[in-house]
Amino acid sequence: MEWNGERETMSEAVEKYAKEYALKQHVKIVKNLMETTGFTQEKALDALEIQGEKRELVIKQLQQ
């Protein structure tokens, strides 16, 4: 299977999709929490206990 110019097995492609989907869901949840509660981005991330690399990725997506 060709994906971004690389050969991947189906399971690798599914895993990659799952991670991308999970990130999008986290971003939606953080945005929703910020809108409904008035929380800052940091407070929303703290309330949802999003830490480490996942937190950095969510912040990056929120800035786009």
PDB file of N, CA and C in Angstrom:
ATOM      1  N   MET A   1       0.847  -1.177   0.000  1.00  0.00           N
ATOM      2  CA  MET A   1       0.000   0.000   0.000  1.00  0.00           C
ATOM      3  C   MET A   1       0.893   1.241   0.000  1.00  0.00           C
ATOM      4  N   GLU A   2       0.640   2.144  -0.897  1.00  0.00           N
ATOM      5  CA  GLU A   2       1.399   3.390  -0.962  1.00  0.00           C
ATOM      6  C   GLU A   2       0.726   4.439  -0.085  1.00  0.00           C
ATOM      7  N   TRP A   3       1.493   5.102   0.729  1.00  0.00           N
ATOM      8  CA  TRP A   3       0.972   6.129   1.608  1.00  0.00           C
ATOM      9  C   TRP A   3       2.057   7.176   1.779  1.00  0.00           C
ATOM     10  N   ASN A   4       1.857   8.350   1.297  1.00  0.00           N
ATOM     11  CA  ASN A   4       2.844   9.427   1.376  1.00  0.00           C
ATOM     12  C   ASN A   4       4.190   8.991   0.815  1.00  0.00           C
ATOM     13  N   GLY A   5       4.171   8.235  -0.260  1.00  0.00           N
ATOM     14  CA  GLY A   5       5.403   7.825  -0.906  1.00  0.00           C
ATOM     15  C   GLY A   5       6.142   6.703  -0.202  1.00  0.00           C
ATOM     16  N   GLU A   6       5.602   6.166   0.872  1.00  0.00           N
ATOM     17  CA  GLU A   6       6.247   5.076   1.602  1.00  0.00           C
ATOM     18  C   GLU A   6       5.388   3.829   1.509  1.00  0.00           C
ATOM     19  N   ARG A   7       6.050   2.686   1.571  1.00  0.00           N
ATOM     20  CA  ARG A   7       5.298   1.435   1.604  1.00  0.00           C
ATOM     21  C   ARG A   7       4.989   1.120   3.058  1.00  0.00           C
ATOM     22  N   GLU A   8       3.734   0.823   3.315  1.00  0.00           N
ATOM     23  CA  GLU A   8       3.302   0.472   4.655  1.00  0.00           C
ATOM     24  C   GLU A   8       2.417  -0.755   4.589  1.00  0.00           C
ATOM     25  N   THR A   9       2.444  -1.501   5.648  1.00  0.00           N
ATOM     26  CA  THR A   9       1.502  -2.607   5.721  1.00  0.00           C
ATOM     27  C   THR A   9       0.137  -2.038   6.078  1.00  0.00           C
ATOM     28  N   MET A  10      -0.888  -2.809   5.867  1.00  0.00           N
ATOM     29  CA  MET A  10      -2.231  -2.347   6.182  1.00  0.00           C
ATOM     30  C   MET A  10      -2.344  -2.004   7.663  1.00  0.00           C
ATOM     31  N   SER A  11      -1.753  -2.797   8.535  1.00  0.00           N
ATOM     32  CA  SER A  11      -1.866  -2.522   9.972  1.00  0.00           C
ATOM     33  C   SER A  11      -1.165  -1.216  10.336  1.00  0.00           C
ATOM     34  N   GLU A  12      -0.045  -0.905   9.688  1.00  0.00           N
ATOM     35  CA  GLU A  12       0.643   0.359   9.943  1.00  0.00           C
ATOM     36  C   GLU A  12      -0.210   1.528   9.475  1.00  0.00           C
ATOM     37  N   ALA A  13      -0.857   1.383   8.338  1.00  0.00           N
ATOM     38  CA  ALA A  13      -1.725   2.431   7.813  1.00  0.00           C
ATOM     39  C   ALA A  13      -2.916   2.661   8.738  1.00  0.00           C
ATOM     40  N   VAL A  14      -3.488   1.575   9.240  1.00  0.00           N
ATOM     41  CA  VAL A  14      -4.633   1.683  10.150  1.00  0.00           C
ATOM     42  C   VAL A  14      -4.195   2.343  11.455  1.00  0.00           C
ATOM     43  N   GLU A  15      -3.041   1.952  11.962  1.00  0.00           N
ATOM     44  CA  GLU A  15      -2.526   2.545  13.199  1.00  0.00           C
ATOM     45  C   GLU A  15      -2.283   4.045  13.015  1.00  0.00           C
ATOM     46  N   LYS A  16      -1.719   4.419  11.887  1.00  0.00           N
ATOM     47  CA  LYS A  16      -1.460   5.828  11.602  1.00  0.00           C
ATOM     48  C   LYS A  16      -2.775   6.605  11.540  1.00  0.00           C
ATOM     49  N   TYR A  17      -3.766   6.040  10.859  1.00  0.00           N
ATOM     50  CA  TYR A  17      -5.077   6.684  10.772  1.00  0.00           C
ATOM     51  C   TYR A  17      -5.698   6.830  12.164  1.00  0.00           C
ATOM     52  N   ALA A  18      -5.596   5.807  12.978  1.00  0.00           N
ATOM     53  CA  ALA A  18      -6.177   5.833  14.319  1.00  0.00           C
ATOM     54  C   ALA A  18      -5.539   6.935  15.160  1.00  0.00           C
ATOM     55  N   LYS A  19      -4.239   7.090  15.057  1.00  0.00           N
ATOM     56  CA  LYS A  19      -3.549   8.137  15.816  1.00  0.00           C
ATOM     57  C   LYS A  19      -3.970   9.518  15.341  1.00  0.00           C
ATOM     58  N   GLU A  20      -4.083   9.701  14.030  1.00  0.00           N
ATOM     59  CA  GLU A  20      -4.521  10.986  13.479  1.00  0.00           C
ATOM     60  C   GLU A  20      -5.952  11.297  13.904  1.00  0.00           C
ATOM     61  N   TYR A  21      -6.806  10.294  13.874  1.00  0.00           N
ATOM     62  CA  TYR A  21      -8.201  10.470  14.276  1.00  0.00           C
ATOM     63  C   TYR A  21      -8.280  10.829  15.759  1.00  0.00           C
ATOM     64  N   ALA A  22      -7.515  10.134  16.586  1.00  0.00           N
ATOM     65  CA  ALA A  22      -7.522  10.407  18.027  1.00  0.00           C
ATOM     66  C   ALA A  22      -7.060  11.837  18.302  1.00  0.00           C
ATOM     67  N   LEU A  23      -6.038  12.296  17.588  1.00  0.00           N
ATOM     68  CA  LEU A  23      -5.556  13.662  17.757  1.00  0.00           C
ATOM     69  C   LEU A  23      -6.647  14.660  17.392  1.00  0.00           C
ATOM     70  N   LYS A  24      -7.325  14.437  16.270  1.00  0.00           N
ATOM     71  CA  LYS A  24      -8.411  15.332  15.862  1.00  0.00           C
ATOM     72  C   LYS A  24      -9.509  15.372  16.921  1.00  0.00           C
ATOM     73  N   GLN A  25      -9.813  14.230  17.508  1.00  0.00           N
ATOM     74  CA  GLN A  25     -10.845  14.177  18.545  1.00  0.00           C
ATOM     75  C   GLN A  25     -10.409  14.943  19.784  1.00  0.00           C
ATOM     76  N   HIS A  26      -9.152  14.801  20.180  1.00  0.00           N
ATOM     77  CA  HIS A  26      -8.641  15.551  21.327  1.00  0.00           C
ATOM     78  C   HIS A  26      -8.739  17.053  21.075  1.00  0.00           C
ATOM     79  N   VAL A  27      -8.385  17.472  19.867  1.00  0.00           N
ATOM     80  CA  VAL A  27      -8.457  18.892  19.518  1.00  0.00           C
ATOM     81  C   VAL A  27      -9.904  19.381  19.620  1.00  0.00           C
ATOM     82  N   LYS A  28     -10.851  18.611  19.100  1.00  0.00           N
ATOM     83  CA  LYS A  28     -12.267  18.997  19.163  1.00  0.00           C
ATOM     84  C   LYS A  28     -12.742  19.099  20.608  1.00  0.00           C
ATOM     85  N   ILE A  29     -12.330  18.164  21.437  1.00  0.00           N
ATOM     86  CA  ILE A  29     -12.747  18.160  22.845  1.00  0.00           C
ATOM     87  C   ILE A  29     -12.174  19.372  23.572  1.00  0.00           C
ATOM     88  N   VAL A  30     -10.900  19.679  23.334  1.00  0.00           N
ATOM     89  CA  VAL A  30     -10.273  20.843  23.974  1.00  0.00           C
ATOM     90  C   VAL A  30     -10.986  22.123  23.534  1.00  0.00           C
ATOM     91  N   LYS A  31     -11.239  22.271  22.229  1.00  0.00           N
ATOM     92  CA  LYS A  31     -11.949  23.458  21.730  1.00  0.00           C
ATOM     93  C   LYS A  31     -13.319  23.584  22.372  1.00  0.00           C
ATOM     94  N   ASN A  32     -14.041  22.479  22.441  1.00  0.00           N
ATOM     95  CA  ASN A  32     -15.379  22.477  23.031  1.00  0.00           C
ATOM     96  C   ASN A  32     -15.318  22.894  24.496  1.00  0.00           C
ATOM     97  N   LEU A  33     -14.378  22.349  25.241  1.00  0.00           N
ATOM     98  CA  LEU A  33     -14.250  22.687  26.654  1.00  0.00           C
ATOM     99  C   LEU A  33     -13.920  24.171  26.824  1.00  0.00           C
ATOM    100  N   MET A  34     -13.042  24.693  25.978  1.00  0.00           N
ATOM    101  CA  MET A  34     -12.688  26.109  26.042  1.00  0.00           C
ATOM    102  C   MET A  34     -13.909  26.989  25.761  1.00  0.00           C
ATOM    103  N   GLU A  35     -14.695  26.606  24.756  1.00  0.00           N
ATOM    104  CA  GLU A  35     -15.868  27.406  24.376  1.00  0.00           C
ATOM    105  C   GLU A  35     -16.978  27.348  25.422  1.00  0.00           C
ATOM    106  N   THR A  36     -17.211  26.174  25.978  1.00  0.00           N
ATOM    107  CA  THR A  36     -18.337  26.019  26.907  1.00  0.00           C
ATOM    108  C   THR A  36     -18.027  26.487  28.324  1.00  0.00           C
ATOM    109  N   THR A  37     -16.751  26.480  28.703  1.00  0.00           N
ATOM    110  CA  THR A  37     -16.402  26.852  30.078  1.00  0.00           C
ATOM    111  C   THR A  37     -15.651  28.180  30.171  1.00  0.00           C
ATOM    112  N   GLY A  38     -15.117  28.636  29.048  1.00  0.00           N
ATOM    113  CA  GLY A  38     -14.289  29.839  29.077  1.00  0.00           C
ATOM    114  C   GLY A  38     -12.868  29.557  29.541  1.00  0.00           C
ATOM    115  N   PHE A  39     -12.514  28.269  29.642  1.00  0.00           N
ATOM    116  CA  PHE A  39     -11.155  27.898  30.052  1.00  0.00           C
ATOM    117  C   PHE A  39     -10.143  28.394  29.025  1.00  0.00           C
ATOM    118  N   THR A  40      -8.952  28.706  29.512  1.00  0.00           N
ATOM    119  CA  THR A  40      -7.834  28.956  28.609  1.00  0.00           C
ATOM    120  C   THR A  40      -7.412  27.618  28.012  1.00  0.00           C
ATOM    121  N   GLN A  41      -6.595  27.686  26.997  1.00  0.00           N
ATOM    122  CA  GLN A  41      -6.076  26.461  26.383  1.00  0.00           C
ATOM    123  C   GLN A  41      -5.335  25.613  27.414  1.00  0.00           C
ATOM    124  N   GLU A  42      -4.489  26.249  28.217  1.00  0.00           N
ATOM    125  CA  GLU A  42      -3.713  25.515  29.219  1.00  0.00           C
ATOM    126  C   GLU A  42      -4.627  24.854  30.258  1.00  0.00           C
ATOM    127  N   LYS A  43      -5.624  25.602  30.720  1.00  0.00           N
ATOM    128  CA  LYS A  43      -6.536  25.047  31.726  1.00  0.00           C
ATOM    129  C   LYS A  43      -7.343  23.879  31.160  1.00  0.00           C
ATOM    130  N   ALA A  44      -7.773  24.000  29.904  1.00  0.00           N
ATOM    131  CA  ALA A  44      -8.530  22.911  29.274  1.00  0.00           C
ATOM    132  C   ALA A  44      -7.659  21.664  29.141  1.00  0.00           C
ATOM    133  N   LEU A  45      -6.409  21.846  28.711  1.00  0.00           N
ATOM    134  CA  LEU A  45      -5.490  20.707  28.584  1.00  0.00           C
ATOM    135  C   LEU A  45      -5.224  20.074  29.940  1.00  0.00           C
ATOM    136  N   ASP A  46      -5.063  20.908  30.974  1.00  0.00           N
ATOM    137  CA  ASP A  46      -4.850  20.381  32.322  1.00  0.00           C
ATOM    138  C   ASP A  46      -6.073  19.616  32.817  1.00  0.00           C
ATOM    139  N   ALA A  47      -7.259  20.179  32.588  1.00  0.00           N
ATOM    140  CA  ALA A  47      -8.492  19.540  33.053  1.00  0.00           C
ATOM    141  C   ALA A  47      -8.679  18.170  32.402  1.00  0.00           C
ATOM    142  N   LEU A  48      -8.246  18.060  31.142  1.00  0.00           N
ATOM    143  CA  LEU A  48      -8.375  16.793  30.417  1.00  0.00           C
ATOM    144  C   LEU A  48      -7.164  15.880  30.617  1.00  0.00           C
ATOM    145  N   GLU A  49      -6.216  16.355  31.413  1.00  0.00           N
ATOM    146  CA  GLU A  49      -5.001  15.600  31.723  1.00  0.00           C
ATOM    147  C   GLU A  49      -4.249  15.174  30.463  1.00  0.00           C
ATOM    148  N   ILE A  50      -4.169  16.088  29.504  1.00  0.00           N
ATOM    149  CA  ILE A  50      -3.411  15.837  28.272  1.00  0.00           C
ATOM    150  C   ILE A  50      -1.991  16.337  28.518  1.00  0.00           C
ATOM    151  N   GLN A  51      -1.030  15.429  28.454  1.00  0.00           N
ATOM    152  CA  GLN A  51       0.352  15.738  28.806  1.00  0.00           C
ATOM    153  C   GLN A  51       1.322  15.303  27.715  1.00  0.00           C
ATOM    154  N   GLY A  52       2.556  15.736  27.845  1.00  0.00           N
ATOM    155  CA  GLY A  52       3.650  15.253  27.016  1.00  0.00           C
ATOM    156  C   GLY A  52       3.492  15.549  25.535  1.00  0.00           C
ATOM    157  N   GLU A  53       3.900  14.566  24.730  1.00  0.00           N
ATOM    158  CA  GLU A  53       3.892  14.714  23.278  1.00  0.00           C
ATOM    159  C   GLU A  53       2.482  14.962  22.746  1.00  0.00           C
ATOM    160  N   LYS A  54       1.503  14.291  23.336  1.00  0.00           N
ATOM    161  CA  LYS A  54       0.119  14.470  22.897  1.00  0.00           C
ATOM    162  C   LYS A  54      -0.305  15.926  23.104  1.00  0.00           C
ATOM    163  N   ARG A  55       0.080  16.505  24.229  1.00  0.00           N
ATOM    164  CA  ARG A  55      -0.247  17.907  24.527  1.00  0.00           C
ATOM    165  C   ARG A  55       0.378  18.826  23.478  1.00  0.00           C
ATOM    166  N   GLU A  56       1.644  18.589  23.157  1.00  0.00           N
ATOM    167  CA  GLU A  56       2.332  19.403  22.159  1.00  0.00           C
ATOM    168  C   GLU A  56       1.642  19.319  20.810  1.00  0.00           C
ATOM    169  N   LEU A  57       1.222  18.118  20.427  1.00  0.00           N
ATOM    170  CA  LEU A  57       0.534  17.945  19.145  1.00  0.00           C
ATOM    171  C   LEU A  57      -0.818  18.650  19.120  1.00  0.00           C
ATOM    172  N   VAL A  58      -1.545  18.581  20.237  1.00  0.00           N
ATOM    173  CA  VAL A  58      -2.841  19.254  20.321  1.00  0.00           C
ATOM    174  C   VAL A  58      -2.641  20.768  20.223  1.00  0.00           C
ATOM    175  N   ILE A  59      -1.668  21.301  20.944  1.00  0.00           N
ATOM    176  CA  ILE A  59      -1.392  22.741  20.904  1.00  0.00           C
ATOM    177  C   ILE A  59      -1.046  23.164  19.478  1.00  0.00           C
ATOM    178  N   LYS A  60      -0.222  22.381  18.822  1.00  0.00           N
ATOM    179  CA  LYS A  60       0.167  22.699  17.440  1.00  0.00           C
ATOM    180  C   LYS A  60      -1.062  22.754  16.539  1.00  0.00           C
ATOM    181  N   GLN A  61      -1.981  21.792  16.695  1.00  0.00           N
ATOM    182  CA  GLN A  61      -3.190  21.766  15.876  1.00  0.00           C
ATOM    183  C   GLN A  61      -4.100  22.948  16.197  1.00  0.00           C
ATOM    184  N   LEU A  62      -4.178  23.324  17.465  1.00  0.00           N
ATOM    185  CA  LEU A  62      -5.021  24.443  17.861  1.00  0.00           C
ATOM    186  C   LEU A  62      -4.515  25.768  17.301  1.00  0.00           C
ATOM    187  N   GLN A  63      -3.225  25.857  17.053  1.00  0.00           N
ATOM    188  CA  GLN A  63      -2.628  27.089  16.549  1.00  0.00           C
ATOM    189  C   GLN A  63      -2.829  27.258  15.047  1.00  0.00           C
ATOM    190  N   GLN A  64      -3.266  26.221  14.368  1.00  0.00           N
ATOM    191  CA  GLN A  64      -3.457  26.305  12.912  1.00  0.00           C
ATOM    192  C   GLN A  64      -4.758  26.956  12.566  1.00  0.00           C
TER     193      GLN A  64
END
